[in-house]
């Protein structure tokens, strides 16, 4: 049997989440998998004669994890402009939803396929290696085939009309049976407690459990959601439901907060990644911690939509695993997780520090998606995906603050995917 060739990549720093930085560190890999991580001196001693690629004044860091995004909306700003909408901040959450619906109306599948292709390209070029991507248009998942981007592609579903739900269930089962040749895997996303009937919500959660599928659910994003779930009143009932002809399907008041409601429907299980969690009280957070839940925070989107700030410190102190997501370009300026880290450092100043934000964008994000054994850190056995970041004149004690200062595409010197260098990222 022919022995696979080994390679070493080294730099001034090798940075892993939640472990000590290795000065003059490196990693050894072969056949797209990391074999060893150590100082360059130790690697050369243990593996003499191996070809070395060394990067001066640089740091080797894992590829980043965008735990929550909607890449099929990457061209939303263009669509909005073409339909004559001002691309400015919405007045409120419901206004944004209504604008989203209006802009998306009558778009064909080709536009969504083009948008997701661009979203994948932008993500790759920004050093992202893993995504938790929500797809409302299931057929465009074909854009992932042949692309070196890992993650979970969540097929979104929602509905209150029983007749429509019957059709949606058939389509969902059909989609799950279709082949999907990609580094990513398929999951399901029942959109949110206010857009899906309790019967259908329970069905999707049960389906995920029975089939071992990852799940993703938006939760407690806005005050309007809290009012609707508890009282079946407010702007969701009075403006959103009429706008989509759901007048007859306003559910009975649940009399509880969204997290407790989700628990009642069987939705608090570790394989269900929750998103946003802006409006959580101590009882909510305690319940999430007891159920061993993960939560993807999307600070730039929350700020743009003026819905509030997630209680990051209380969540972290309670033991809820936190990840980081960009959401979509319908509520954000870029798909760069580096940009999200920079904003999060300011948005959550005094609540979570830079090393924690880095971990959220790497290992904790991969763990939240159920992919921590393959991605998220530079560890033996994992896929050899990493990036080389310029760090001239940066001391070892300043690295994490530097990473949260706004790393741009020009600061990424090289990107490796499965051990293969891609200067453009793609």
Protein backbone atom coordinates (compact mmCIF):
# COMPACT_ATOMS: atom_id res chain seq x y z
CA UNK A 1 0.00 0.00 0.00
CA UNK A 2 1.32 3.43 -0.98
CA UNK A 3 1.99 5.67 2.04
CA UNK A 4 0.14 8.99 1.93
CA UNK A 5 2.35 12.06 1.83
CA UNK A 6 2.50 14.19 4.96
CA UNK A 7 2.74 17.97 5.21
CA UNK A 8 3.48 20.49 7.94
CA UNK A 9 2.07 24.02 8.08
CA UNK A 10 3.55 26.31 10.70
CA UNK A 11 3.33 29.94 11.78
CA UNK A 12 4.31 32.33 14.54
CA UNK A 13 1.19 31.28 16.47
CA UNK A 14 -1.17 28.31 16.36
CA UNK A 15 -4.47 29.23 17.98
CA UNK A 16 -7.10 26.78 19.18
CA UNK A 17 -10.24 27.67 21.13
CA UNK A 18 -10.07 27.21 24.90
CA UNK A 19 -6.43 26.00 24.89
CA UNK A 20 -3.07 27.70 25.20
CA UNK A 21 -1.64 29.39 22.11
CA UNK A 22 1.40 27.58 20.70
CA UNK A 23 4.21 29.93 19.73
CA UNK A 24 6.08 28.84 16.60
CA UNK A 25 3.44 26.17 16.31
CA UNK A 26 2.39 23.91 13.52
CA UNK A 27 0.25 21.01 12.46
CA UNK A 28 0.98 17.87 10.53
CA UNK A 29 -1.67 16.52 8.16
CA UNK A 30 -2.16 13.88 5.51
CA UNK A 31 -5.06 12.93 3.25
CA UNK A 32 -7.06 15.90 4.48
CA UNK A 33 -6.83 14.97 8.19
CA UNK A 34 -4.79 16.48 10.99
CA UNK A 35 -2.31 14.00 12.49
CA UNK A 36 -0.49 16.07 15.08
CA UNK A 37 -0.37 19.59 16.54
CA UNK A 38 2.70 20.85 18.40
CA UNK A 39 5.58 23.30 18.26
CA UNK A 40 7.40 23.30 14.94
CA UNK A 41 10.55 22.08 16.69
CA UNK A 42 8.72 19.05 18.11
CA UNK A 43 7.04 18.24 14.80
CA UNK A 44 10.35 18.36 12.91
CA UNK A 45 11.91 16.08 15.52
CA UNK A 46 9.08 13.54 15.35
CA UNK A 47 8.53 13.71 11.60
CA UNK A 48 11.88 14.43 9.95
CA UNK A 49 11.98 15.20 6.25
CA UNK A 50 8.34 16.32 5.97
CA UNK A 51 7.70 19.26 3.65
CA UNK A 52 7.03 22.48 5.61
CA UNK A 53 5.06 25.58 4.63
CA UNK A 54 5.92 28.33 7.13
CA UNK A 55 4.11 31.64 7.48
CA UNK A 56 5.98 34.44 9.25
CA UNK A 57 4.12 37.02 11.38
CA UNK A 58 0.94 34.97 11.06
CA UNK A 59 -1.43 32.78 13.05
CA UNK A 60 -2.99 29.46 12.13
CA UNK A 61 -6.61 29.37 13.28
CA UNK A 62 -9.52 27.00 12.55
CA UNK A 63 -12.02 27.77 9.84
CA UNK A 64 -14.95 29.64 11.34
CA UNK A 65 -18.47 28.37 12.02
CA UNK A 66 -21.51 30.39 10.97
CA UNK A 67 -24.08 28.58 13.08
CA UNK A 68 -27.08 30.41 11.66
CA UNK A 69 -27.60 31.93 8.25
CA UNK A 70 -30.03 32.04 5.32
CA UNK A 71 -27.74 32.00 2.28
CA UNK A 72 -30.66 31.87 -0.16
CA UNK A 73 -31.31 35.52 0.79
CA UNK A 74 -27.81 36.71 -0.15
CA UNK A 75 -29.18 38.84 -3.00
CA UNK A 76 -32.03 40.31 -0.93
CA UNK A 77 -30.60 43.88 -1.11
CA UNK A 78 -30.59 43.64 -4.90
CA UNK A 79 -34.13 42.23 -5.02
CA UNK A 80 -35.37 44.98 -2.72
CA UNK A 81 -33.79 47.66 -4.86
CA UNK A 82 -35.25 46.17 -8.04
CA UNK A 83 -38.72 46.30 -6.48
CA UNK A 84 -38.30 49.92 -5.48
CA UNK A 85 -37.80 49.43 -1.75
CA UNK A 86 -35.43 51.59 0.21
CA UNK A 87 -32.62 49.50 1.61
CA UNK A 88 -32.69 51.10 5.04
CA UNK A 89 -33.38 49.99 8.59
CA UNK A 90 -36.97 48.85 9.15
CA UNK A 91 -39.12 50.56 11.73
CA UNK A 92 -39.68 47.32 13.62
CA UNK A 93 -39.66 43.55 13.49
CA UNK A 94 -43.09 43.10 11.89
CA UNK A 95 -42.38 45.79 9.30
CA UNK A 96 -39.24 43.89 8.38
CA UNK A 97 -41.13 40.59 8.03
CA UNK A 98 -43.74 42.20 5.80
CA UNK A 99 -41.03 43.79 3.66
CA UNK A 100 -39.30 40.41 3.39
CA UNK A 101 -42.51 38.79 2.18
CA UNK A 102 -43.18 41.52 -0.36
CA UNK A 103 -39.67 41.48 -1.78
CA UNK A 104 -39.63 37.67 -2.07
CA UNK A 105 -43.04 37.43 -3.73
CA UNK A 106 -42.96 35.87 -7.20
CA UNK A 107 -39.22 35.20 -7.23
CA UNK A 108 -38.35 32.03 -9.14
CA UNK A 109 -36.11 29.17 -8.00
CA UNK A 110 -33.30 30.27 -10.31
CA UNK A 111 -32.88 33.50 -8.35
CA UNK A 112 -32.65 31.61 -5.07
CA UNK A 113 -30.12 29.19 -6.56
CA UNK A 114 -27.98 32.09 -7.78
CA UNK A 115 -28.26 33.78 -4.38
CA UNK A 116 -27.21 30.72 -2.42
CA UNK A 117 -24.28 30.12 -4.77
CA UNK A 118 -23.09 33.67 -4.09
CA UNK A 119 -23.66 33.19 -0.39
CA UNK A 120 -21.52 30.05 -0.38
CA UNK A 121 -18.76 31.88 -2.27
CA UNK A 122 -18.82 34.83 0.14
CA UNK A 123 -18.71 32.49 3.12
CA UNK A 124 -15.76 30.51 1.76
CA UNK A 125 -13.78 33.65 0.97
CA UNK A 126 -14.36 34.95 4.52
CA UNK A 127 -12.75 31.87 6.06
CA UNK A 128 -15.94 30.04 6.99
CA UNK A 129 -15.75 26.27 6.99
CA UNK A 130 -19.09 25.29 8.51
CA UNK A 131 -22.61 26.73 8.25
CA UNK A 132 -26.00 26.14 9.77
CA UNK A 133 -28.01 27.23 6.73
CA UNK A 134 -31.80 27.55 6.61
CA UNK A 135 -33.43 26.82 3.24
CA UNK A 136 -37.07 27.70 2.64
CA UNK A 137 -36.64 26.58 -0.98
CA UNK A 138 -35.48 23.00 -0.62
CA UNK A 139 -34.46 22.36 -4.21
CA UNK A 140 -31.64 24.91 -4.12
CA UNK A 141 -29.67 22.70 -1.74
CA UNK A 142 -28.11 21.34 -4.93
CA UNK A 143 -25.83 24.41 -4.81
CA UNK A 144 -23.91 22.66 -2.01
CA UNK A 145 -22.94 19.67 -4.10
CA UNK A 146 -19.24 19.55 -4.86
CA UNK A 147 -18.46 22.47 -2.51
CA UNK A 148 -15.96 22.22 0.36
CA UNK A 149 -18.30 23.77 2.91
CA UNK A 150 -19.42 21.63 5.81
CA UNK A 151 -22.42 22.11 8.03
CA UNK A 152 -26.11 21.39 8.28
CA UNK A 153 -28.57 22.46 5.61
CA UNK A 154 -31.86 22.84 7.48
CA UNK A 155 -34.94 22.42 5.31
CA UNK A 156 -37.38 24.98 6.65
CA UNK A 157 -41.07 24.31 7.09
CA UNK A 158 -43.96 26.25 8.59
CA UNK A 159 -47.73 26.45 8.38
CA UNK A 160 -51.01 26.76 10.29
CA UNK A 161 -53.50 25.62 7.65
CA UNK A 162 -54.13 21.84 8.07
CA UNK A 163 -54.62 21.36 4.32
CA UNK A 164 -51.33 23.10 3.56
CA UNK A 165 -49.56 21.16 6.29
CA UNK A 166 -50.60 17.86 4.69
CA UNK A 167 -48.96 18.96 1.44
CA UNK A 168 -45.88 20.24 3.25
CA UNK A 169 -45.40 16.95 5.09
CA UNK A 170 -45.47 15.01 1.83
CA UNK A 171 -42.92 17.38 0.30
CA UNK A 172 -40.71 17.15 3.36
CA UNK A 173 -40.64 13.35 3.35
CA UNK A 174 -39.89 13.38 -0.37
CA UNK A 175 -37.01 15.83 0.10
CA UNK A 176 -35.52 13.67 2.84
CA UNK A 177 -35.44 10.66 0.51
CA UNK A 178 -33.63 12.50 -2.29
CA UNK A 179 -29.83 12.04 -2.53
CA UNK A 180 -27.63 14.87 -1.27
CA UNK A 181 -23.95 14.64 -2.22
CA UNK A 182 -22.27 17.28 -0.09
CA UNK A 183 -19.91 17.91 2.80
CA UNK A 184 -22.98 19.25 4.61
CA UNK A 185 -25.80 17.11 5.99
CA UNK A 186 -29.57 17.63 5.88
CA UNK A 187 -31.59 18.75 8.90
CA UNK A 188 -35.02 20.27 9.49
CA UNK A 189 -36.12 23.69 10.70
CA UNK A 190 -39.64 24.29 11.99
CA UNK A 191 -39.34 28.03 11.61
CA UNK A 192 -40.65 29.39 14.92
CA UNK A 193 -43.43 28.89 17.49
CA UNK A 194 -45.49 31.68 15.90
CA UNK A 195 -45.41 30.35 12.32
CA UNK A 196 -46.25 26.68 12.77
CA UNK A 197 -49.15 24.86 14.40
CA UNK A 198 -48.52 22.98 17.62
CA UNK A 199 -49.51 19.72 15.91
CA UNK A 200 -47.08 20.20 13.03
CA UNK A 201 -44.36 21.44 15.40
CA UNK A 202 -44.60 18.25 17.47
CA UNK A 203 -44.54 16.18 14.29
CA UNK A 204 -41.32 17.78 13.03
CA UNK A 205 -39.60 17.43 16.39
CA UNK A 206 -40.61 13.78 16.55
CA UNK A 207 -39.42 13.21 12.97
CA UNK A 208 -36.00 14.66 13.81
CA UNK A 209 -35.68 12.44 16.85
CA UNK A 210 -36.78 9.29 15.03
CA UNK A 211 -34.44 9.85 12.09
CA UNK A 212 -31.52 11.30 14.02
CA UNK A 213 -31.71 14.62 12.19
CA UNK A 214 -30.38 17.92 13.46
CA UNK A 215 -33.05 20.55 14.04
CA UNK A 216 -33.08 24.36 14.23
CA UNK A 217 -35.77 26.68 15.61
CA UNK A 218 -36.00 30.47 15.96
CA UNK A 219 -37.08 31.38 19.48
CA UNK A 220 -37.80 34.50 21.57
CA UNK A 221 -36.50 36.88 18.91
CA UNK A 222 -38.96 39.72 19.52
CA UNK A 223 -41.40 41.07 22.07
CA UNK A 224 -44.13 40.55 19.47
CA UNK A 225 -43.43 36.80 19.62
CA UNK A 226 -43.80 36.74 23.40
CA UNK A 227 -47.14 38.54 23.24
CA UNK A 228 -48.45 36.28 20.48
CA UNK A 229 -47.52 32.98 22.12
CA UNK A 230 -48.88 33.97 25.52
CA UNK A 231 -51.99 35.92 24.51
CA UNK A 232 -52.53 35.37 20.72
CA UNK A 233 -52.61 39.13 20.39
CA UNK A 234 -50.40 41.90 19.08
CA UNK A 235 -48.83 42.74 15.75
CA UNK A 236 -48.30 39.12 14.69
CA UNK A 237 -52.03 38.38 15.00
CA UNK A 238 -53.18 41.77 13.76
CA UNK A 239 -50.74 42.47 10.92
CA UNK A 240 -48.60 39.45 10.01
CA UNK A 241 -51.29 36.76 9.91
CA UNK A 242 -53.72 38.88 7.80
CA UNK A 243 -50.88 39.72 5.38
CA UNK A 244 -50.40 36.02 4.54
CA UNK A 245 -54.09 35.09 4.67
CA UNK A 246 -53.87 33.21 7.95
CA UNK A 247 -56.84 35.10 9.47
CA UNK A 248 -58.64 31.89 10.34
CA UNK A 249 -55.64 30.17 11.89
CA UNK A 250 -54.69 32.38 14.83
CA UNK A 251 -54.08 29.75 17.54
CA UNK A 252 -55.53 29.80 21.02
CA UNK A 253 -53.44 31.61 23.58
CA UNK A 254 -50.81 29.31 25.06
CA UNK A 255 -50.62 31.30 28.27
CA UNK A 256 -46.87 30.80 28.55
CA UNK A 257 -43.57 32.12 27.27
CA UNK A 258 -42.02 30.77 24.02
CA UNK A 259 -39.37 28.60 25.70
CA UNK A 260 -41.91 26.86 27.95
CA UNK A 261 -44.24 26.48 24.95
CA UNK A 262 -41.46 24.88 22.92
CA UNK A 263 -40.76 22.50 25.79
CA UNK A 264 -44.46 21.56 25.90
CA UNK A 265 -44.25 20.60 22.21
CA UNK A 266 -41.18 18.41 22.80
CA UNK A 267 -38.75 20.90 21.27
CA UNK A 268 -36.13 21.19 23.99
CA UNK A 269 -33.71 18.42 23.06
CA UNK A 270 -29.95 18.96 22.50
CA UNK A 271 -30.09 18.24 18.77
CA UNK A 272 -32.40 21.23 18.27
CA UNK A 273 -30.27 24.35 17.84
CA UNK A 274 -32.18 27.41 19.00
CA UNK A 275 -31.59 30.82 17.44
CA UNK A 276 -31.69 34.40 18.75
CA UNK A 277 -32.97 34.00 22.33
CA UNK A 278 -33.16 37.75 22.79
CA UNK A 279 -36.09 37.81 25.20
CA UNK A 280 -35.27 35.25 27.87
CA UNK A 281 -35.84 35.51 31.59
CA UNK A 282 -34.10 33.55 34.34
CA UNK A 283 -36.67 30.75 34.25
CA UNK A 284 -36.21 30.38 30.49
CA UNK A 285 -32.44 30.25 30.82
CA UNK A 286 -32.59 27.71 33.63
CA UNK A 287 -34.84 25.47 31.54
CA UNK A 288 -32.51 25.72 28.51
CA UNK A 289 -29.55 24.80 30.69
CA UNK A 290 -31.35 21.81 32.21
CA UNK A 291 -32.27 20.55 28.75
CA UNK A 292 -28.63 20.96 27.60
CA UNK A 293 -29.61 23.31 24.78
CA UNK A 294 -27.40 25.32 22.43
CA UNK A 295 -28.25 28.83 21.25
CA UNK A 296 -26.94 30.69 18.21
CA UNK A 297 -26.69 34.43 18.82
CA UNK A 298 -27.00 36.86 15.89
CA UNK A 299 -26.08 40.25 17.36
CA UNK A 300 -25.84 42.29 14.14
CA UNK A 301 -29.25 41.08 12.97
CA UNK A 302 -30.80 41.77 16.38
CA UNK A 303 -29.35 45.28 16.35
CA UNK A 304 -30.54 45.95 12.78
CA UNK A 305 -34.08 44.82 13.58
CA UNK A 306 -34.08 46.65 16.92
CA UNK A 307 -35.37 43.63 18.83
CA UNK A 308 -32.98 43.87 21.77
CA UNK A 309 -29.86 42.18 23.12
CA UNK A 310 -29.63 38.53 24.18
CA UNK A 311 -28.62 37.98 27.84
CA UNK A 312 -25.27 36.47 26.86
CA UNK A 313 -23.62 36.55 30.27
CA UNK A 314 -26.55 34.90 32.05
CA UNK A 315 -26.77 32.23 29.35
CA UNK A 316 -23.07 31.45 29.54
CA UNK A 317 -23.01 31.42 33.33
CA UNK A 318 -25.96 29.00 33.36
CA UNK A 319 -24.12 26.60 31.05
CA UNK A 320 -26.05 27.15 27.82
CA UNK A 321 -23.67 26.52 24.92
CA UNK A 322 -23.45 29.61 22.72
CA UNK A 323 -22.65 29.87 19.02
CA UNK A 324 -22.49 32.78 16.60
CA UNK A 325 -24.40 33.39 13.36
CA UNK A 326 -24.72 36.14 10.77
CA UNK A 327 -28.38 35.52 9.91
CA UNK A 328 -29.07 36.70 6.32
CA UNK A 329 -28.26 39.73 4.19
CA UNK A 330 -31.90 40.69 4.65
CA UNK A 331 -30.90 41.81 8.16
CA UNK A 332 -27.12 42.10 8.03
CA UNK A 333 -24.30 43.76 6.10
CA UNK A 334 -22.10 40.73 5.45
CA UNK A 335 -21.79 36.97 5.84
CA UNK A 336 -18.38 37.25 7.48
CA UNK A 337 -18.13 35.62 10.89
CA UNK A 338 -15.07 37.79 11.48
CA UNK A 339 -17.38 40.82 11.17
CA UNK A 340 -19.86 39.18 13.55
CA UNK A 341 -17.12 38.56 16.10
CA UNK A 342 -16.05 42.20 15.93
CA UNK A 343 -19.58 43.47 16.48
CA UNK A 344 -20.25 40.93 19.24
CA UNK A 345 -17.20 42.16 21.16
CA UNK A 346 -18.81 45.59 21.39
CA UNK A 347 -22.45 44.48 21.64
CA UNK A 348 -21.70 42.12 24.54
CA UNK A 349 -18.90 44.19 26.11
CA UNK A 350 -18.59 43.33 29.78
CA UNK A 351 -20.65 40.15 29.34
CA UNK A 352 -18.46 37.82 27.28
CA UNK A 353 -14.78 38.26 26.50
CA UNK A 354 -12.82 37.90 23.27
CA UNK A 355 -11.60 34.30 23.89
CA UNK A 356 -15.22 33.25 24.48
CA UNK A 357 -16.37 34.94 21.26
CA UNK A 358 -13.59 33.14 19.38
CA UNK A 359 -14.75 29.82 20.86
CA UNK A 360 -18.35 30.61 19.88
CA UNK A 361 -17.20 31.12 16.30
CA UNK A 362 -15.21 27.87 16.23
CA UNK A 363 -15.57 24.84 18.51
CA UNK A 364 -18.77 25.85 20.29
CA UNK A 365 -20.43 26.56 16.96
CA UNK A 366 -19.38 23.20 15.56
CA UNK A 367 -20.60 21.46 18.71
CA UNK A 368 -23.94 23.27 18.50
CA UNK A 369 -24.42 21.86 15.00
CA UNK A 370 -23.42 18.36 16.07
CA UNK A 371 -20.21 18.54 14.02
CA UNK A 372 -17.65 19.05 16.76
CA UNK A 373 -15.83 15.80 16.04
CA UNK A 374 -14.99 16.97 12.51
CA UNK A 375 -14.69 20.76 12.75
CA UNK A 376 -14.13 23.64 15.14
CA UNK A 377 -10.54 23.16 16.31
CA UNK A 378 -7.12 22.07 15.09
CA UNK A 379 -7.03 18.65 16.70
CA UNK A 380 -5.70 15.25 15.58
CA UNK A 381 -8.31 13.31 13.64
CA UNK A 382 -10.26 16.35 12.50
CA UNK A 383 -10.45 17.66 8.98
CA UNK A 384 -7.48 19.78 7.96
CA UNK A 385 -9.40 23.02 7.51
CA UNK A 386 -7.72 26.20 8.73
CA UNK A 387 -6.74 29.73 7.75
CA UNK A 388 -3.60 31.80 8.00
CA UNK A 389 -4.20 35.26 9.47
CA UNK A 390 -1.73 38.16 9.39
CA UNK A 391 -0.72 39.26 12.86
CA UNK A 392 2.29 41.54 12.49
CA UNK A 393 3.27 43.37 15.69
CA UNK A 394 0.63 41.47 17.70
CA UNK A 395 1.72 39.97 21.01
CA UNK A 396 0.52 36.60 22.23
CA UNK A 397 -1.65 38.26 24.88
CA UNK A 398 -3.36 40.44 22.27
CA UNK A 399 -4.41 37.76 19.80
CA UNK A 400 -8.05 37.29 20.79
CA UNK A 401 -8.71 41.02 20.99
CA UNK A 402 -7.10 41.31 17.57
CA UNK A 403 -9.36 38.58 16.18
CA UNK A 404 -12.36 40.55 17.47
CA UNK A 405 -11.13 43.85 16.04
CA UNK A 406 -12.43 43.33 12.52
CA UNK A 407 -10.36 40.86 10.50
CA UNK A 408 -10.97 41.53 6.81
CA UNK A 409 -10.48 39.43 3.72
CA UNK A 410 -7.09 41.07 3.09
CA UNK A 411 -5.92 39.82 6.51
CA UNK A 412 -6.50 36.22 5.42
CA UNK A 413 -3.24 35.13 3.80
CA UNK A 414 -4.27 31.60 2.94
CA UNK A 415 -7.15 29.19 3.45
CA UNK A 416 -6.75 25.42 3.62
CA UNK A 417 -9.68 23.08 3.06
CA UNK A 418 -9.05 19.37 3.58
CA UNK A 419 -5.35 20.16 3.46
CA UNK A 420 -5.51 21.94 0.11
CA UNK A 421 -4.59 25.65 -0.06
CA UNK A 422 -7.11 27.99 -1.68
CA UNK A 423 -5.86 31.57 -1.79
CA UNK A 424 -9.28 32.89 -2.85
CA UNK A 425 -11.01 30.76 -0.26
CA UNK A 426 -13.18 28.96 -2.82
